[in-house]
Amino acid sequence: MPKKKRKNKISSKVWTKYKVEGDKLIRNKTCPKCGPGMFLANHKDRLYCGNCHYVEIIKK
């Protein structure tokens, strides 16, 4: 029986949520309802939580 071909797996992009500047860890804003670990998605005009659908509108 021939071996199965492996598909290329897309790695998680959790590492894009964090930045290290000096001794500080910079991360996106977390959801006030869900607590730490759930980040708000940055959109053009709002911050959005995909888990509980919490929305913060960004004023210009």
PDB file of N, CA and C in Angstrom:
ATOM      1  N   MET A   1       0.841  -1.167   0.000  1.00  0.00           N
ATOM      2  CA  MET A   1       0.000   0.000   0.000  1.00  0.00           C
ATOM      3  C   MET A   1       0.901   1.249   0.000  1.00  0.00           C
ATOM      4  N   PRO A   2       0.664   2.199  -0.925  1.00  0.00           N
ATOM      5  CA  PRO A   2       1.507   3.405  -0.973  1.00  0.00           C
ATOM      6  C   PRO A   2       1.224   4.337   0.207  1.00  0.00           C
ATOM      7  N   LYS A   3       2.232   5.129   0.547  1.00  0.00           N
ATOM      8  CA  LYS A   3       2.090   6.089   1.639  1.00  0.00           C
ATOM      9  C   LYS A   3       1.140   7.213   1.236  1.00  0.00           C
ATOM     10  N   LYS A   4       0.425   7.747   2.234  1.00  0.00           N
ATOM     11  CA  LYS A   4      -0.478   8.861   1.990  1.00  0.00           C
ATOM     12  C   LYS A   4       0.335  10.139   1.847  1.00  0.00           C
ATOM     13  N   LYS A   5      -0.114  11.024   0.955  1.00  0.00           N
ATOM     14  CA  LYS A   5       0.544  12.315   0.810  1.00  0.00           C
ATOM     15  C   LYS A   5       0.080  13.233   1.921  1.00  0.00           C
ATOM     16  N   ARG A   6       1.009  13.961   2.510  1.00  0.00           N
ATOM     17  CA  ARG A   6       0.679  14.907   3.574  1.00  0.00           C
ATOM     18  C   ARG A   6       0.349  16.263   2.967  1.00  0.00           C
ATOM     19  N   LYS A   7      -0.703  16.864   3.483  1.00  0.00           N
ATOM     20  CA  LYS A   7      -1.064  18.211   3.053  1.00  0.00           C
ATOM     21  C   LYS A   7      -0.275  19.213   3.870  1.00  0.00           C
ATOM     22  N   ASN A   8       0.013  20.347   3.272  1.00  0.00           N
ATOM     23  CA  ASN A   8       0.709  21.409   4.001  1.00  0.00           C
ATOM     24  C   ASN A   8      -0.237  22.012   5.021  1.00  0.00           C
ATOM     25  N   LYS A   9       0.140  21.947   6.281  1.00  0.00           N
ATOM     26  CA  LYS A   9      -0.686  22.456   7.363  1.00  0.00           C
ATOM     27  C   LYS A   9      -0.341  23.917   7.619  1.00  0.00           C
ATOM     28  N   ILE A  10      -1.366  24.748   7.714  1.00  0.00           N
ATOM     29  CA  ILE A  10      -1.164  26.161   8.005  1.00  0.00           C
ATOM     30  C   ILE A  10      -0.929  26.299   9.507  1.00  0.00           C
ATOM     31  N   SER A  11       0.189  26.912   9.867  1.00  0.00           N
ATOM     32  CA  SER A  11       0.510  27.072  11.277  1.00  0.00           C
ATOM     33  C   SER A  11      -0.378  28.146  11.905  1.00  0.00           C
ATOM     34  N   SER A  12      -0.574  28.050  13.223  1.00  0.00           N
ATOM     35  CA  SER A  12      -1.372  29.058  13.911  1.00  0.00           C
ATOM     36  C   SER A  12      -0.609  30.376  13.916  1.00  0.00           C
ATOM     37  N   LYS A  13      -1.342  31.458  13.932  1.00  0.00           N
ATOM     38  CA  LYS A  13      -0.709  32.778  13.881  1.00  0.00           C
ATOM     39  C   LYS A  13      -0.840  33.499  15.215  1.00  0.00           C
ATOM     40  N   VAL A  14      -0.809  32.738  16.295  1.00  0.00           N
ATOM     41  CA  VAL A  14      -0.895  33.323  17.628  1.00  0.00           C
ATOM     42  C   VAL A  14       0.303  34.225  17.889  1.00  0.00           C
ATOM     43  N   TRP A  15       1.445  33.881  17.357  1.00  0.00           N
ATOM     44  CA  TRP A  15       2.669  34.658  17.569  1.00  0.00           C
ATOM     45  C   TRP A  15       2.565  36.055  16.990  1.00  0.00           C
ATOM     46  N   THR A  16       1.623  36.325  16.077  1.00  0.00           N
ATOM     47  CA  THR A  16       1.464  37.664  15.516  1.00  0.00           C
ATOM     48  C   THR A  16       0.755  38.607  16.483  1.00  0.00           C
ATOM     49  N   LYS A  17       0.146  38.061  17.541  1.00  0.00           N
ATOM     50  CA  LYS A  17      -0.572  38.878  18.517  1.00  0.00           C
ATOM     51  C   LYS A  17       0.355  39.498  19.558  1.00  0.00           C
ATOM     52  N   TYR A  18       1.603  39.072  19.610  1.00  0.00           N
ATOM     53  CA  TYR A  18       2.551  39.524  20.621  1.00  0.00           C
ATOM     54  C   TYR A  18       3.737  40.229  19.983  1.00  0.00           C
ATOM     55  N   LYS A  19       4.271  41.234  20.667  1.00  0.00           N
ATOM     56  CA  LYS A  19       5.503  41.904  20.265  1.00  0.00           C
ATOM     57  C   LYS A  19       6.345  42.108  21.511  1.00  0.00           C
ATOM     58  N   VAL A  20       7.641  41.957  21.379  1.00  0.00           N
ATOM     59  CA  VAL A  20       8.556  42.174  22.498  1.00  0.00           C
ATOM     60  C   VAL A  20       9.358  43.425  22.206  1.00  0.00           C
ATOM     61  N   GLU A  21       9.260  44.406  23.099  1.00  0.00           N
ATOM     62  CA  GLU A  21      10.033  45.640  22.981  1.00  0.00           C
ATOM     63  C   GLU A  21      10.795  45.828  24.279  1.00  0.00           C
ATOM     64  N   GLY A  22      12.085  45.580  24.234  1.00  0.00           N
ATOM     65  CA  GLY A  22      12.895  45.668  25.444  1.00  0.00           C
ATOM     66  C   GLY A  22      12.513  44.556  26.403  1.00  0.00           C
ATOM     67  N   ASP A  23      12.091  44.939  27.607  1.00  0.00           N
ATOM     68  CA  ASP A  23      11.650  43.961  28.598  1.00  0.00           C
ATOM     69  C   ASP A  23      10.125  43.872  28.676  1.00  0.00           C
ATOM     70  N   LYS A  24       9.420  44.596  27.799  1.00  0.00           N
ATOM     71  CA  LYS A  24       7.960  44.641  27.835  1.00  0.00           C
ATOM     72  C   LYS A  24       7.367  43.709  26.783  1.00  0.00           C
ATOM     73  N   LEU A  25       6.233  43.108  27.124  1.00  0.00           N
ATOM     74  CA  LEU A  25       5.471  42.286  26.189  1.00  0.00           C
ATOM     75  C   LEU A  25       4.249  43.081  25.755  1.00  0.00           C
ATOM     76  N   ILE A  26       4.159  43.401  24.475  1.00  0.00           N
ATOM     77  CA  ILE A  26       3.062  44.188  23.924  1.00  0.00           C
ATOM     78  C   ILE A  26       2.095  43.213  23.252  1.00  0.00           C
ATOM     79  N   ARG A  27       0.799  43.329  23.574  1.00  0.00           N
ATOM     80  CA  ARG A  27      -0.195  42.468  22.949  1.00  0.00           C
ATOM     81  C   ARG A  27      -1.463  43.257  22.673  1.00  0.00           C
ATOM     82  N   ASN A  28      -2.345  42.698  21.850  1.00  0.00           N
ATOM     83  CA  ASN A  28      -3.605  43.355  21.525  1.00  0.00           C
ATOM     84  C   ASN A  28      -4.503  43.404  22.746  1.00  0.00           C
ATOM     85  N   LYS A  29      -5.529  44.236  22.684  1.00  0.00           N
ATOM     86  CA  LYS A  29      -6.466  44.382  23.781  1.00  0.00           C
ATOM     87  C   LYS A  29      -7.274  43.099  23.946  1.00  0.00           C
ATOM     88  N   THR A  30      -7.506  42.712  25.198  1.00  0.00           N
ATOM     89  CA  THR A  30      -8.280  41.508  25.467  1.00  0.00           C
ATOM     90  C   THR A  30      -9.748  41.863  25.683  1.00  0.00           C
ATOM     91  N   CYS A  31     -10.612  40.881  25.556  1.00  0.00           N
ATOM     92  CA  CYS A  31     -12.057  41.080  25.703  1.00  0.00           C
ATOM     93  C   CYS A  31     -12.416  41.263  27.177  1.00  0.00           C
ATOM     94  N   PRO A  32     -13.160  42.320  27.516  1.00  0.00           N
ATOM     95  CA  PRO A  32     -13.541  42.529  28.925  1.00  0.00           C
ATOM     96  C   PRO A  32     -14.568  41.511  29.418  1.00  0.00           C
ATOM     97  N   LYS A  33     -15.356  40.921  28.536  1.00  0.00           N
ATOM     98  CA  LYS A  33     -16.349  39.928  28.939  1.00  0.00           C
ATOM     99  C   LYS A  33     -15.726  38.541  29.093  1.00  0.00           C
ATOM    100  N   CYS A  34     -14.904  38.138  28.133  1.00  0.00           N
ATOM    101  CA  CYS A  34     -14.333  36.784  28.130  1.00  0.00           C
ATOM    102  C   CYS A  34     -13.120  36.661  29.042  1.00  0.00           C
ATOM    103  N   GLY A  35     -12.411  37.760  29.263  1.00  0.00           N
ATOM    104  CA  GLY A  35     -11.248  37.730  30.131  1.00  0.00           C
ATOM    105  C   GLY A  35      -9.953  37.549  29.352  1.00  0.00           C
ATOM    106  N   PRO A  36      -8.843  37.362  30.063  1.00  0.00           N
ATOM    107  CA  PRO A  36      -7.548  37.243  29.394  1.00  0.00           C
ATOM    108  C   PRO A  36      -7.483  35.979  28.551  1.00  0.00           C
ATOM    109  N   GLY A  37      -6.786  36.079  27.439  1.00  0.00           N
ATOM    110  CA  GLY A  37      -6.659  34.940  26.525  1.00  0.00           C
ATOM    111  C   GLY A  37      -7.515  35.089  25.290  1.00  0.00           C
ATOM    112  N   MET A  38      -8.546  35.921  25.355  1.00  0.00           N
ATOM    113  CA  MET A  38      -9.383  36.178  24.184  1.00  0.00           C
ATOM    114  C   MET A  38      -9.085  37.587  23.701  1.00  0.00           C
ATOM    115  N   PHE A  39      -8.466  37.691  22.535  1.00  0.00           N
ATOM    116  CA  PHE A  39      -8.079  38.991  21.997  1.00  0.00           C
ATOM    117  C   PHE A  39      -9.174  39.558  21.115  1.00  0.00           C
ATOM    118  N   LEU A  40      -9.242  40.888  21.077  1.00  0.00           N
ATOM    119  CA  LEU A  40     -10.166  41.573  20.193  1.00  0.00           C
ATOM    120  C   LEU A  40      -9.507  41.714  18.828  1.00  0.00           C
ATOM    121  N   ALA A  41     -10.258  41.435  17.773  1.00  0.00           N
ATOM    122  CA  ALA A  41      -9.758  41.560  16.405  1.00  0.00           C
ATOM    123  C   ALA A  41      -9.765  43.029  16.013  1.00  0.00           C
ATOM    124  N   ASN A  42      -8.695  43.472  15.360  1.00  0.00           N
ATOM    125  CA  ASN A  42      -8.602  44.861  14.906  1.00  0.00           C
ATOM    126  C   ASN A  42      -9.169  44.973  13.503  1.00  0.00           C
ATOM    127  N   HIS A  43     -10.256  45.718  13.371  1.00  0.00           N
ATOM    128  CA  HIS A  43     -10.824  46.023  12.073  1.00  0.00           C
ATOM    129  C   HIS A  43     -10.611  47.504  11.804  1.00  0.00           C
ATOM    130  N   LYS A  44     -11.057  47.958  10.653  1.00  0.00           N
ATOM    131  CA  LYS A  44     -10.827  49.339  10.251  1.00  0.00           C
ATOM    132  C   LYS A  44     -11.477  50.343  11.201  1.00  0.00           C
ATOM    133  N   ASP A  45     -12.683  50.048  11.659  1.00  0.00           N
ATOM    134  CA  ASP A  45     -13.432  51.003  12.468  1.00  0.00           C
ATOM    135  C   ASP A  45     -13.896  50.447  13.808  1.00  0.00           C
ATOM    136  N   ARG A  46     -13.445  49.227  14.177  1.00  0.00           N
ATOM    137  CA  ARG A  46     -13.940  48.627  15.412  1.00  0.00           C
ATOM    138  C   ARG A  46     -12.996  47.549  15.924  1.00  0.00           C
ATOM    139  N   LEU A  47     -13.175  47.194  17.196  1.00  0.00           N
ATOM    140  CA  LEU A  47     -12.524  46.038  17.807  1.00  0.00           C
ATOM    141  C   LEU A  47     -13.621  45.024  18.080  1.00  0.00           C
ATOM    142  N   TYR A  48     -13.388  43.751  17.747  1.00  0.00           N
ATOM    143  CA  TYR A  48     -14.455  42.749  17.786  1.00  0.00           C
ATOM    144  C   TYR A  48     -13.971  41.464  18.429  1.00  0.00           C
ATOM    145  N   CYS A  49     -14.817  40.889  19.294  1.00  0.00           N
ATOM    146  CA  CYS A  49     -14.548  39.585  19.895  1.00  0.00           C
ATOM    147  C   CYS A  49     -15.383  38.545  19.157  1.00  0.00           C
ATOM    148  N   GLY A  50     -14.749  37.564  18.566  1.00  0.00           N
ATOM    149  CA  GLY A  50     -15.456  36.537  17.827  1.00  0.00           C
ATOM    150  C   GLY A  50     -16.139  35.524  18.717  1.00  0.00           C
ATOM    151  N   ASN A  51     -15.768  35.478  19.988  1.00  0.00           N
ATOM    152  CA  ASN A  51     -16.338  34.502  20.911  1.00  0.00           C
ATOM    153  C   ASN A  51     -17.699  34.957  21.442  1.00  0.00           C
ATOM    154  N   CYS A  52     -17.759  36.169  21.994  1.00  0.00           N
ATOM    155  CA  CYS A  52     -19.006  36.652  22.604  1.00  0.00           C
ATOM    156  C   CYS A  52     -19.642  37.782  21.805  1.00  0.00           C
ATOM    157  N   HIS A  53     -19.047  38.177  20.677  1.00  0.00           N
ATOM    158  CA  HIS A  53     -19.560  39.217  19.769  1.00  0.00           C
ATOM    159  C   HIS A  53     -19.560  40.599  20.411  1.00  0.00           C
ATOM    160  N   TYR A  54     -18.615  40.859  21.305  1.00  0.00           N
ATOM    161  CA  TYR A  54     -18.448  42.179  21.917  1.00  0.00           C
ATOM    162  C   TYR A  54     -17.809  43.107  20.895  1.00  0.00           C
ATOM    163  N   VAL A  55     -18.302  44.349  20.792  1.00  0.00           N
ATOM    164  CA  VAL A  55     -17.807  45.317  19.811  1.00  0.00           C
ATOM    165  C   VAL A  55     -17.454  46.625  20.502  1.00  0.00           C
ATOM    166  N   GLU A  56     -16.291  47.178  20.156  1.00  0.00           N
ATOM    167  CA  GLU A  56     -15.917  48.536  20.558  1.00  0.00           C
ATOM    168  C   GLU A  56     -15.691  49.332  19.279  1.00  0.00           C
ATOM    169  N   ILE A  57     -16.404  50.437  19.146  1.00  0.00           N
ATOM    170  CA  ILE A  57     -16.263  51.293  17.976  1.00  0.00           C
ATOM    171  C   ILE A  57     -15.092  52.231  18.183  1.00  0.00           C
ATOM    172  N   ILE A  58     -14.232  52.367  17.171  1.00  0.00           N
ATOM    173  CA  ILE A  58     -13.085  53.277  17.226  1.00  0.00           C
ATOM    174  C   ILE A  58     -13.506  54.605  16.626  1.00  0.00           C
ATOM    175  N   LYS A  59     -13.424  55.664  17.426  1.00  0.00           N
ATOM    176  CA  LYS A  59     -13.762  57.004  16.941  1.00  0.00           C
ATOM    177  C   LYS A  59     -12.544  57.610  16.272  1.00  0.00           C
ATOM    178  N   LYS A  60     -12.766  58.357  15.201  1.00  0.00           N
ATOM    179  CA  LYS A  60     -11.666  58.987  14.467  1.00  0.00           C
ATOM    180  C   LYS A  60     -11.180  60.240  15.132  1.00  0.00           C
TER     181      LYS A  60
END
